[in-house]
C-alpha atoms as a PDB file:
ATOM      1  CA  MET A   1      39.004  16.884 -19.715  1.00  0.00           C
ATOM      2  CA  ASN A   2      40.953  16.598 -16.451  1.00  0.00           C
ATOM      3  CA  GLY A   3      38.157  14.533 -14.951  1.00  0.00           C
ATOM      4  CA  VAL A   4      35.564  17.297 -15.287  1.00  0.00           C
ATOM      5  CA  PRO A   5      32.287  15.833 -16.552  1.00  0.00           C
ATOM      6  CA  THR A   6      30.904  17.261 -19.770  1.00  0.00           C
ATOM      7  CA  PRO A   7      27.352  18.674 -19.847  1.00  0.00           C
ATOM      8  CA  LYS A   8      26.228  15.495 -21.563  1.00  0.00           C
ATOM      9  CA  THR A   9      27.661  13.364 -18.774  1.00  0.00           C
ATOM     10  CA  ALA A  10      25.930  15.486 -16.146  1.00  0.00           C
ATOM     11  CA  ILE A  11      22.628  15.075 -17.978  1.00  0.00           C
ATOM     12  CA  GLU A  12      23.131  11.329 -18.142  1.00  0.00           C
ATOM     13  CA  VAL A  13      23.821  11.204 -14.401  1.00  0.00           C
ATOM     14  CA  ARG A  14      20.613  13.113 -13.649  1.00  0.00           C
ATOM     15  CA  ALA A  15      18.669  10.866 -16.017  1.00  0.00           C
ATOM     16  CA  ALA A  16      20.039   7.772 -14.274  1.00  0.00           C
ATOM     17  CA  ARG A  17      18.713   9.076 -10.956  1.00  0.00           C
ATOM     18  CA  LEU A  18      15.185   9.731 -12.206  1.00  0.00           C
ATOM     19  CA  PRO A  19      13.994   6.096 -11.909  1.00  0.00           C
ATOM     20  CA  TYR A  20      15.126   6.060  -8.269  1.00  0.00           C
ATOM     21  CA  ALA A  21      13.347   9.357  -7.606  1.00  0.00           C
ATOM     22  CA  ALA A  22      10.200   7.808  -9.104  1.00  0.00           C
ATOM     23  CA  LEU A  23      10.734   4.774  -6.869  1.00  0.00           C
ATOM     24  CA  LEU A  24      10.817   6.978  -3.758  1.00  0.00           C
ATOM     25  CA  CYS A  25       7.487   8.520  -4.782  1.00  0.00           C
ATOM     26  CA  VAL A  26       6.052   5.039  -5.252  1.00  0.00           C
ATOM     27  CA  VAL A  27       7.257   3.991  -1.791  1.00  0.00           C
ATOM     28  CA  PHE A  28       5.286   6.808  -0.163  1.00  0.00           C
ATOM     29  CA  LEU A  29       2.171   6.452  -2.355  1.00  0.00           C
ATOM     30  CA  TRP A  30       1.964   2.683  -1.939  1.00  0.00           C
ATOM     31  CA  GLY A  31       2.767   2.896   1.757  1.00  0.00           C
ATOM     32  CA  ALA A  32      -0.230   5.193   2.187  1.00  0.00           C
ATOM     33  CA  GLY A  33      -2.439   2.752   0.259  1.00  0.00           C
ATOM     34  CA  PRO A  34      -3.399   0.319   3.070  1.00  0.00           C
ATOM     35  CA  VAL A  35      -3.927   3.226   5.480  1.00  0.00           C
ATOM     36  CA  VAL A  36      -6.280   5.006   3.065  1.00  0.00           C
ATOM     37  CA  THR A  37      -8.053   1.747   2.195  1.00  0.00           C
ATOM     38  CA  LYS A  38      -8.931   1.197   5.848  1.00  0.00           C
ATOM     39  CA  LEU A  39     -10.683   4.601   5.882  1.00  0.00           C
ATOM     40  CA  ILE A  40     -13.169   3.431   3.234  1.00  0.00           C
ATOM     41  CA  THR A  41     -16.201   1.775   4.842  1.00  0.00           C
ATOM     42  CA  VAL A  42     -17.452  -0.199   1.880  1.00  0.00           C
ATOM     43  CA  PRO A  43     -17.527  -3.961   1.115  1.00  0.00           C
ATOM     44  CA  PRO A  44     -14.238  -5.184  -0.446  1.00  0.00           C
ATOM     45  CA  ALA A  45     -15.522  -6.096  -3.918  1.00  0.00           C
ATOM     46  CA  THR A  46     -17.492  -2.857  -4.223  1.00  0.00           C
ATOM     47  CA  GLY A  47     -14.555  -0.747  -3.070  1.00  0.00           C
ATOM     48  CA  ALA A  48     -12.142  -2.435  -5.481  1.00  0.00           C
ATOM     49  CA  LEU A  49     -14.569  -2.115  -8.405  1.00  0.00           C
ATOM     50  CA  LEU A  50     -15.125   1.585  -7.707  1.00  0.00           C
ATOM     51  CA  ARG A  51     -11.382   2.177  -7.375  1.00  0.00           C
ATOM     52  CA  PHE A  52     -10.803   0.945 -10.936  1.00  0.00           C
ATOM     53  CA  GLY A  53     -14.011   2.486 -12.222  1.00  0.00           C
ATOM     54  CA  ILE A  54     -12.755   5.892 -11.056  1.00  0.00           C
ATOM     55  CA  SER A  55      -9.230   5.365 -12.452  1.00  0.00           C
ATOM     56  CA  ILE A  56     -10.112   4.149 -15.950  1.00  0.00           C
ATOM     57  CA  PRO A  57     -11.755   7.367 -17.288  1.00  0.00           C
ATOM     58  CA  LEU A  58      -8.751   9.452 -16.191  1.00  0.00           C
ATOM     59  CA  LEU A  59      -6.284   7.037 -17.775  1.00  0.00           C
ATOM     60  CA  PHE A  60      -8.197   6.960 -21.072  1.00  0.00           C
ATOM     61  CA  ALA A  61      -8.386  10.766 -21.034  1.00  0.00           C
ATOM     62  CA  ILE A  62      -4.584  10.918 -20.667  1.00  0.00           C
ATOM     63  CA  VAL A  63      -4.131   8.364 -23.461  1.00  0.00           C
ATOM     64  CA  ILE A  64      -6.344  10.349 -25.830  1.00  0.00           C
ATOM     65  CA  ALA A  65      -4.982  13.778 -24.858  1.00  0.00           C
ATOM     66  CA  THR A  66      -1.371  12.683 -25.439  1.00  0.00           C
ATOM     67  CA  GLY A  67      -2.036  11.021 -28.782  1.00  0.00           C
ATOM     68  CA  ARG A  68      -1.374   7.522 -27.519  1.00  0.00           C
ATOM     69  CA  ARG A  69      -3.291   4.368 -28.398  1.00  0.00           C
ATOM     70  CA  ILE A  70      -3.683   1.004 -26.693  1.00  0.00           C
ATOM     71  CA  SER A  71      -2.732  -1.723 -29.139  1.00  0.00           C
ATOM     72  CA  GLY A  72      -4.131  -5.242 -29.282  1.00  0.00           C
ATOM     73  CA  PRO A  73      -0.832  -6.841 -28.184  1.00  0.00           C
ATOM     74  CA  THR A  74      -0.709  -4.523 -25.145  1.00  0.00           C
ATOM     75  CA  MET A  75      -4.266  -5.465 -24.150  1.00  0.00           C
ATOM     76  CA  ARG A  76      -3.484  -9.168 -24.515  1.00  0.00           C
ATOM     77  CA  ALA A  77      -0.230  -8.918 -22.544  1.00  0.00           C
ATOM     78  CA  ALA A  78      -1.991  -7.011 -19.732  1.00  0.00           C
ATOM     79  CA  ALA A  79      -4.746  -9.607 -19.249  1.00  0.00           C
ATOM     80  CA  ALA A  80      -3.000 -11.881 -16.714  1.00  0.00           C
ATOM     81  CA  PRO A  81      -1.248  -9.188 -14.637  1.00  0.00           C
ATOM     82  CA  GLY A  82      -4.405  -7.046 -14.748  1.00  0.00           C
ATOM     83  CA  ALA A  83      -6.528  -9.878 -13.363  1.00  0.00           C
ATOM     84  CA  ALA A  84      -3.938 -10.546 -10.639  1.00  0.00           C
ATOM     85  CA  PHE A  85      -3.896  -6.847  -9.753  1.00  0.00           C
ATOM     86  CA  GLY A  86      -7.681  -6.704  -9.511  1.00  0.00           C
ATOM     87  CA  ILE A  87      -7.899  -9.768  -7.290  1.00  0.00           C
ATOM     88  CA  ASN A  88      -5.102  -8.348  -5.144  1.00  0.00           C
ATOM     89  CA  LEU A  89      -7.043  -5.170  -4.443  1.00  0.00           C
ATOM     90  CA  VAL A  90     -10.203  -7.070  -3.436  1.00  0.00           C
ATOM     91  CA  LEU A  91      -8.082  -9.097  -1.011  1.00  0.00           C
ATOM     92  CA  VAL A  92      -6.441  -5.932   0.382  1.00  0.00           C
ATOM     93  CA  PHE A  93      -9.844  -4.335   1.018  1.00  0.00           C
ATOM     94  CA  ALA A  94     -10.948  -7.535   2.778  1.00  0.00           C
ATOM     95  CA  ALA A  95      -7.695  -7.996   4.736  1.00  0.00           C
ATOM     96  CA  VAL A  96      -7.722  -4.558   6.383  1.00  0.00           C
ATOM     97  CA  GLN A  97     -11.239  -5.260   7.651  1.00  0.00           C
ATOM     98  CA  GLU A  98     -10.001  -8.424   9.378  1.00  0.00           C
ATOM     99  CA  ALA A  99      -6.601  -7.258  10.623  1.00  0.00           C
ATOM    100  CA  THR A 100      -4.520  -4.229  11.544  1.00  0.00           C
ATOM    101  CA  VAL A 101      -2.521  -2.554   8.773  1.00  0.00           C
ATOM    102  CA  ALA A 102       0.650  -3.994  10.346  1.00  0.00           C
ATOM    103  CA  VAL A 103      -0.511  -7.556   9.653  1.00  0.00           C
ATOM    104  CA  LEU A 104      -0.981  -6.813   5.965  1.00  0.00           C
ATOM    105  CA  VAL A 105       2.437  -5.221   5.606  1.00  0.00           C
ATOM    106  CA  VAL A 106       4.163  -8.107   7.424  1.00  0.00           C
ATOM    107  CA  ALA A 107       2.955 -10.293   4.573  1.00  0.00           C
ATOM    108  CA  VAL A 108       4.133  -7.704   2.041  1.00  0.00           C
ATOM    109  CA  SER A 109       7.618  -7.813   3.572  1.00  0.00           C
ATOM    110  CA  LEU A 110       8.007 -11.364   2.232  1.00  0.00           C
ATOM    111  CA  GLN A 111       7.752 -10.182  -1.389  1.00  0.00           C
ATOM    112  CA  PRO A 112      11.414  -9.159  -1.962  1.00  0.00           C
ATOM    113  CA  ALA A 113      12.574 -12.660  -1.028  1.00  0.00           C
ATOM    114  CA  ALA A 114      10.170 -14.165  -3.555  1.00  0.00           C
ATOM    115  CA  ILE A 115      11.238 -11.667  -6.221  1.00  0.00           C
ATOM    116  CA  LEU A 116      14.920 -12.404  -5.554  1.00  0.00           C
ATOM    117  CA  ILE A 117      14.265 -16.095  -6.201  1.00  0.00           C
ATOM    118  CA  ILE A 118      12.170 -15.446  -9.321  1.00  0.00           C
ATOM    119  CA  ALA A 119      14.296 -12.684 -10.892  1.00  0.00           C
ATOM    120  CA  GLY A 120      17.302 -14.921 -11.594  1.00  0.00           C
ATOM    121  CA  PRO A 121      15.725 -17.589 -13.809  1.00  0.00           C
ATOM    122  CA  MET A 122      13.009 -15.313 -15.241  1.00  0.00           C
ATOM    123  CA  PHE A 123      14.932 -12.097 -15.957  1.00  0.00           C
ATOM    124  CA  GLY A 124      18.551 -13.228 -15.834  1.00  0.00           C
ATOM    125  CA  GLU A 125      19.210 -10.872 -12.905  1.00  0.00           C
ATOM    126  CA  ARG A 126      22.161 -12.462 -11.102  1.00  0.00           C
ATOM    127  CA  ALA A 127      22.194 -11.252  -7.503  1.00  0.00           C
ATOM    128  CA  SER A 128      25.582 -10.945  -5.838  1.00  0.00           C
ATOM    129  CA  ARG A 129      26.268 -12.383  -2.386  1.00  0.00           C
ATOM    130  CA  SER A 130      26.183  -8.875  -0.902  1.00  0.00           C
ATOM    131  CA  HIS A 131      22.807  -8.257  -2.529  1.00  0.00           C
ATOM    132  CA  VAL A 132      21.366 -11.418  -0.962  1.00  0.00           C
ATOM    133  CA  VAL A 133      22.806 -10.646   2.484  1.00  0.00           C
ATOM    134  CA  TRP A 134      21.534  -7.054   2.558  1.00  0.00           C
ATOM    135  CA  THR A 135      18.136  -8.207   1.259  1.00  0.00           C
ATOM    136  CA  ILE A 136      17.832 -10.606   4.191  1.00  0.00           C
ATOM    137  CA  ILE A 137      18.849  -7.828   6.617  1.00  0.00           C
ATOM    138  CA  ALA A 138      16.297  -5.439   5.060  1.00  0.00           C
ATOM    139  CA  ILE A 139      13.512  -8.017   5.410  1.00  0.00           C
ATOM    140  CA  ALA A 140      14.555  -8.617   9.025  1.00  0.00           C
ATOM    141  CA  GLY A 141      14.442  -4.867   9.694  1.00  0.00           C
ATOM    142  CA  ALA A 142      11.007  -4.545   8.108  1.00  0.00           C
ATOM    143  CA  SER A 143       9.798  -7.511  10.161  1.00  0.00           C
ATOM    144  CA  ILE A 144      10.966  -5.761  13.332  1.00  0.00           C
ATOM    145  CA  VAL A 145       9.015  -2.674  12.264  1.00  0.00           C
ATOM    146  CA  ILE A 146       5.865  -4.734  11.981  1.00  0.00           C
ATOM    147  CA  LEU A 147       6.263  -7.302  14.768  1.00  0.00           C
ATOM    148  CA  GLY A 148       7.438  -4.565  17.129  1.00  0.00           C
ATOM    149  CA  ALA A 149       3.812  -3.447  17.322  1.00  0.00           C
ATOM    150  CA  GLY A 150       3.282  -6.185  19.919  1.00  0.00           C
ATOM    151  CA  SER A 151      -0.327  -6.214  21.080  1.00  0.00           C
ATOM    152  CA  GLU A 152      -1.248  -3.919  18.196  1.00  0.00           C
ATOM    153  CA  LEU A 153      -0.675  -6.817  15.786  1.00  0.00           C
ATOM    154  CA  ARG A 154      -4.233  -8.126  15.591  1.00  0.00           C
ATOM    155  CA  THR A 155      -5.791 -10.456  13.043  1.00  0.00           C
ATOM    156  CA  SER A 156      -8.153 -13.346  12.540  1.00  0.00           C
ATOM    157  CA  PRO A 157      -7.094 -16.526  10.708  1.00  0.00           C
ATOM    158  CA  LEU A 158      -9.058 -15.219   7.721  1.00  0.00           C
ATOM    159  CA  GLY A 159      -7.146 -11.923   7.872  1.00  0.00           C
ATOM    160  CA  ALA A 160      -3.807 -13.770   7.726  1.00  0.00           C
ATOM    161  CA  VAL A 161      -4.906 -15.869   4.739  1.00  0.00           C
ATOM    162  CA  LEU A 162      -6.257 -12.828   2.910  1.00  0.00           C
ATOM    163  CA  SER A 163      -3.019 -10.905   3.502  1.00  0.00           C
ATOM    164  CA  LEU A 164      -0.764 -13.693   2.226  1.00  0.00           C
ATOM    165  CA  THR A 165      -2.961 -14.329  -0.821  1.00  0.00           C
ATOM    166  CA  ALA A 166      -3.024 -10.610  -1.609  1.00  0.00           C
ATOM    167  CA  VAL A 167       0.794 -10.559  -1.609  1.00  0.00           C
ATOM    168  CA  ALA A 168       0.911 -13.603  -3.920  1.00  0.00           C
ATOM    169  CA  MET A 169      -1.398 -11.854  -6.392  1.00  0.00           C
ATOM    170  CA  PHE A 170       0.580  -8.607  -6.216  1.00  0.00           C
ATOM    171  CA  THR A 171       3.855 -10.479  -6.769  1.00  0.00           C
ATOM    172  CA  THR A 172       2.335 -12.032  -9.894  1.00  0.00           C
ATOM    173  CA  TYR A 173       1.324  -8.582 -11.147  1.00  0.00           C
ATOM    174  CA  PHE A 174       4.744  -7.126 -10.255  1.00  0.00           C
ATOM    175  CA  VAL A 175       6.726  -9.853 -12.035  1.00  0.00           C
ATOM    176  CA  LEU A 176       4.579  -9.854 -15.190  1.00  0.00           C
ATOM    177  CA  THR A 177       4.762  -6.060 -15.439  1.00  0.00           C
ATOM    178  CA  ARG A 178       8.553  -6.186 -15.117  1.00  0.00           C
ATOM    179  CA  ALA A 179       8.630  -8.843 -17.854  1.00  0.00           C
ATOM    180  CA  ALA A 180       6.504  -6.696 -20.174  1.00  0.00           C
ATOM    181  CA  ARG A 181       8.657  -3.589 -19.628  1.00  0.00           C
ATOM    182  CA  LEU A 182      11.839  -5.636 -20.096  1.00  0.00           C
ATOM    183  CA  THR A 183      10.905  -7.370 -23.347  1.00  0.00           C
ATOM    184  CA  THR A 184       8.786  -4.778 -25.180  1.00  0.00           C
ATOM    185  CA  ALA A 185       8.635  -1.018 -25.690  1.00  0.00           C
ATOM    186  CA  VAL A 186       5.240  -0.747 -24.002  1.00  0.00           C
ATOM    187  CA  ASP A 187       4.310   2.753 -22.823  1.00  0.00           C
ATOM    188  CA  PRO A 188       3.725   2.926 -19.024  1.00  0.00           C
ATOM    189  CA  ILE A 189       0.467   4.913 -19.316  1.00  0.00           C
ATOM    190  CA  GLU A 190      -0.915   2.642 -22.038  1.00  0.00           C
ATOM    191  CA  TRP A 191       0.124  -0.375 -19.984  1.00  0.00           C
ATOM    192  CA  MET A 192      -1.564   0.821 -16.796  1.00  0.00           C
ATOM    193  CA  THR A 193      -4.729   1.729 -18.696  1.00  0.00           C
ATOM    194  CA  ALA A 194      -4.920  -1.830 -20.025  1.00  0.00           C
ATOM    195  CA  ILE A 195      -4.085  -3.212 -16.561  1.00  0.00           C
ATOM    196  CA  ASN A 196      -6.933  -1.226 -14.986  1.00  0.00           C
ATOM    197  CA  VAL A 197      -9.406  -2.399 -17.629  1.00  0.00           C
ATOM    198  CA  TRP A 198      -8.574  -6.057 -16.992  1.00  0.00           C
ATOM    199  CA  ALA A 199      -8.598  -5.526 -13.225  1.00  0.00           C
ATOM    200  CA  PHE A 200     -12.087  -4.029 -13.507  1.00  0.00           C
ATOM    201  CA  VAL A 201     -13.232  -6.956 -15.664  1.00  0.00           C
ATOM    202  CA  SER A 202     -11.828  -9.518 -13.192  1.00  0.00           C
ATOM    203  CA  ILE A 203     -13.595  -7.899 -10.237  1.00  0.00           C
ATOM    204  CA  LEU A 204     -16.953  -7.226 -11.918  1.00  0.00           C
ATOM    205  CA  PRO A 205     -18.396 -10.800 -11.650  1.00  0.00           C
ATOM    206  CA  VAL A 206     -17.433 -10.969  -7.965  1.00  0.00           C
ATOM    207  CA  ALA A 207     -18.957  -7.557  -7.248  1.00  0.00           C
ATOM    208  CA  LEU A 208     -22.208  -8.466  -9.018  1.00  0.00           C
ATOM    209  CA  VAL A 209     -22.565 -11.598  -6.884  1.00  0.00           C
ATOM    210  CA  VAL A 210     -21.622 -10.257  -3.441  1.00  0.00           C
ATOM    211  CA  SER A 211     -22.679  -6.586  -3.697  1.00  0.00           C
ATOM    212  CA  ASP A 212     -25.989  -4.788  -4.122  1.00  0.00           C
ATOM    213  CA  TRP A 213     -27.226  -1.232  -4.673  1.00  0.00           C
ATOM    214  CA  SER A 214     -27.367  -0.499  -0.952  1.00  0.00           C
ATOM    215  CA  ASP A 215     -23.550  -0.707  -0.809  1.00  0.00           C
ATOM    216  CA  LEU A 216     -23.409   2.394  -2.992  1.00  0.00           C
ATOM    217  CA  THR A 217     -26.251   4.300  -1.375  1.00  0.00           C
ATOM    218  CA  SER A 218     -24.776   3.764   2.102  1.00  0.00           C
ATOM    219  CA  MET A 219     -21.447   5.345   1.135  1.00  0.00           C
ATOM    220  CA  GLN A 220     -20.720   8.697   2.747  1.00  0.00           C
ATOM    221  CA  GLY A 221     -18.976  11.696   1.222  1.00  0.00           C
ATOM    222  CA  ARG A 222     -15.683  10.865   2.927  1.00  0.00           C
ATOM    223  CA  ASP A 223     -15.785   7.360   1.428  1.00  0.00           C
ATOM    224  CA  TRP A 224     -15.905   8.885  -2.054  1.00  0.00           C
ATOM    225  CA  CYS A 225     -13.144  11.337  -1.128  1.00  0.00           C
ATOM    226  CA  TRP A 226     -10.775   8.597   0.022  1.00  0.00           C
ATOM    227  CA  LEU A 227     -11.662   6.465  -3.004  1.00  0.00           C
ATOM    228  CA  VAL A 228     -10.582   9.308  -5.288  1.00  0.00           C
ATOM    229  CA  VAL A 229      -7.308   9.673  -3.354  1.00  0.00           C
ATOM    230  CA  LEU A 230      -6.715   5.902  -3.542  1.00  0.00           C
ATOM    231  CA  SER A 231      -7.577   5.780  -7.249  1.00  0.00           C
ATOM    232  CA  TYR A 232      -5.657   8.793  -8.550  1.00  0.00           C
ATOM    233  CA  LEU A 233      -2.623   9.000  -6.252  1.00  0.00           C
ATOM    234  CA  THR A 234      -1.900   5.502  -4.956  1.00  0.00           C
ATOM    235  CA  GLY A 235      -3.407   3.938  -8.052  1.00  0.00           C
ATOM    236  CA  VAL A 236      -2.821   5.942 -11.224  1.00  0.00           C
ATOM    237  CA  LEU A 237       0.247   7.975 -10.220  1.00  0.00           C
ATOM    238  CA  GLY A 238       1.943   5.293  -8.123  1.00  0.00           C
ATOM    239  CA  HIS A 239       1.519   2.462 -10.611  1.00  0.00           C
ATOM    240  CA  VAL A 240       2.383   4.509 -13.700  1.00  0.00           C
ATOM    241  CA  LEU A 241       5.610   5.627 -12.004  1.00  0.00           C
ATOM    242  CA  MET A 242       6.457   2.053 -11.035  1.00  0.00           C
ATOM    243  CA  SER A 243       5.664   0.753 -14.535  1.00  0.00           C
ATOM    244  CA  TRP A 244       8.055   3.338 -15.941  1.00  0.00           C
ATOM    245  CA  ALA A 245      10.762   2.542 -13.373  1.00  0.00           C
ATOM    246  CA  HIS A 246      10.481  -1.176 -14.214  1.00  0.00           C
ATOM    247  CA  GLY A 247      12.222  -0.416 -17.498  1.00  0.00           C
ATOM    248  CA  TYR A 248      15.345   0.844 -15.699  1.00  0.00           C
ATOM    249  CA  ILE A 249      15.618  -0.871 -12.310  1.00  0.00           C
ATOM    250  CA  GLU A 250      16.083  -4.585 -11.664  1.00  0.00           C
ATOM    251  CA  ALA A 251      13.047  -6.295 -10.138  1.00  0.00           C
ATOM    252  CA  SER A 252      15.081  -7.543  -7.170  1.00  0.00           C
ATOM    253  CA  ARG A 253      16.086  -3.932  -6.399  1.00  0.00           C
ATOM    254  CA  SER A 254      12.760  -2.232  -6.989  1.00  0.00           C
ATOM    255  CA  SER A 255      10.832  -4.790  -4.921  1.00  0.00           C
ATOM    256  CA  LEU A 256      13.287  -4.354  -2.049  1.00  0.00           C
ATOM    257  CA  SER A 257      12.890  -0.577  -2.175  1.00  0.00           C
ATOM    258  CA  VAL A 258       9.131  -0.992  -2.041  1.00  0.00           C
ATOM    259  CA  LEU A 259       9.764  -2.847   1.228  1.00  0.00           C
ATOM    260  CA  LEU A 260      10.150   0.627   2.702  1.00  0.00           C
ATOM    261  CA  MET A 261       6.440   1.201   2.095  1.00  0.00           C
ATOM    262  CA  ASN A 262       5.966  -0.884   5.255  1.00  0.00           C
ATOM    263  CA  ILE A 263       7.684   1.856   7.251  1.00  0.00           C
ATOM    264  CA  VAL A 264       5.456   4.471   5.619  1.00  0.00           C
ATOM    265  CA  ALA A 265       2.313   2.404   6.259  1.00  0.00           C
ATOM    266  CA  VAL A 266       3.099   1.756   9.924  1.00  0.00           C
ATOM    267  CA  SER A 267       4.100   5.400  10.470  1.00  0.00           C
ATOM    268  CA  LEU A 268       0.879   6.735   8.934  1.00  0.00           C
ATOM    269  CA  ALA A 269      -1.285   4.163  10.719  1.00  0.00           C
ATOM    270  CA  TRP A 270      -0.272   5.686  14.062  1.00  0.00           C
ATOM    271  CA  PRO A 271      -1.936   9.115  13.659  1.00  0.00           C
ATOM    272  CA  VAL A 272      -4.695   7.905  11.316  1.00  0.00           C
ATOM    273  CA  HIS A 273      -5.803   4.609  12.910  1.00  0.00           C
ATOM    274  CA  ASP A 274      -4.298   4.953  16.396  1.00  0.00           C
ATOM    275  CA  GLU A 275      -1.884   2.040  15.807  1.00  0.00           C
ATOM    276  CA  PRO A 276       1.142   3.381  17.762  1.00  0.00           C
ATOM    277  CA  VAL A 277       4.804   3.042  16.753  1.00  0.00           C
ATOM    278  CA  THR A 278       7.187   1.675  19.418  1.00  0.00           C
ATOM    279  CA  TRP A 279      10.917   2.268  19.873  1.00  0.00           C
ATOM    280  CA  VAL A 280      11.549  -1.311  18.714  1.00  0.00           C
ATOM    281  CA  GLN A 281       9.829  -0.495  15.431  1.00  0.00           C
ATOM    282  CA  GLY A 282      12.000   2.602  15.117  1.00  0.00           C
ATOM    283  CA  ILE A 283      15.148   0.470  15.366  1.00  0.00           C
ATOM    284  CA  GLY A 284      13.760  -1.925  12.765  1.00  0.00           C
ATOM    285  CA  GLY A 285      13.042   0.987  10.443  1.00  0.00           C
ATOM    286  CA  VAL A 286      16.632   2.235  10.685  1.00  0.00           C
ATOM    287  CA  ILE A 287      17.933  -1.279   9.907  1.00  0.00           C
ATOM    288  CA  ALA A 288      15.619  -1.634   6.904  1.00  0.00           C
ATOM    289  CA  LEU A 289      16.499   1.811   5.525  1.00  0.00           C
ATOM    290  CA  GLY A 290      20.228   1.163   5.872  1.00  0.00           C
ATOM    291  CA  ALA A 291      20.047  -2.256   4.234  1.00  0.00           C
ATOM    292  CA  VAL A 292      18.008  -0.988   1.271  1.00  0.00           C
ATOM    293  CA  ALA A 293      20.485   1.875   0.823  1.00  0.00           C
ATOM    294  CA  MET A 294      23.352  -0.652   0.728  1.00  0.00           C
ATOM    295  CA  VAL A 295      21.595  -2.752  -1.927  1.00  0.00           C
ATOM    296  CA  LEU A 296      21.007   0.317  -4.105  1.00  0.00           C
ATOM    297  CA  ARG A 297      24.721   1.171  -3.828  1.00  0.00           C
ATOM    298  CA  ILE A 298      25.767  -2.237  -5.199  1.00  0.00           C
ATOM    299  CA  PRO A 299      26.480  -1.956  -8.974  1.00  0.00           C
ATOM    300  CA  PRO A 300      23.930  -3.908 -11.043  1.00  0.00           C
ATOM    301  CA  VAL A 301      25.142  -7.273 -12.333  1.00  0.00           C
ATOM    302  CA  ALA A 302      24.695  -7.703 -16.072  1.00  0.00           C
ATOM    303  CA  ARG A 303      21.759  -9.878 -17.076  1.00  0.00           C
ATOM    304  CA  THR A 304      22.618 -13.354 -18.304  1.00  0.00           C
END
């Protein structure tokens, strides 16, 4: 009464904020992904195969320990996005060997625009004019963050192609996962377990052709350490959280928030890979952060 929220209302408010808290965790974990990947000195196909090979046992252990089960329909639905996810990771491993981390994330910054175009007809997510305007401003800010690196923006033509193709594959995975979470009651952990299985299967033929036993024997202890970090934190934790958040946050909003991973990636690449951050990039980061905050403040438009 008298405008004072009841305990139930307070609980509902906190519950509504949880998906956005999960999204913030994903932003940091995924932003660290390219930086960690560049620390792993292993051929792309081998690195990607090991990443999923390390993740799958943990995911199955969680499924079994929590009394879950992976149904046939879930496995079938995860086939296409899982394959896209697997191919994406091979391309990411290859891209960071051909280009600086900044080049990869400049390609990633194009994803929210693609999602905004796809989300309307596919999910019935009608974006308002303000949403579109702030999305464009956020992409511009992220582009400044990346292009502001100047001479530190280095790549080969192959690196540029690999980066753009990796983003296309990740967008496919992102959209299909959103569709699955929107139309079915699939459990996020079961879903990501199935995704990892199909990703492993999609990479295995490539790894068998282009890799050999010496790729494994030449790996150092730190390579295994960073692979575990990439698999369990960026991989398992980050993707399970995002799969869960997909059930509550519009794709056009969540993809734009993930745009902030570019700021995380560029910031971490400075101390880790000696790719310095300039004052121009700092301005771009402020613009991107402000624009994403404005989009998140806009009330969601009901799906058509």
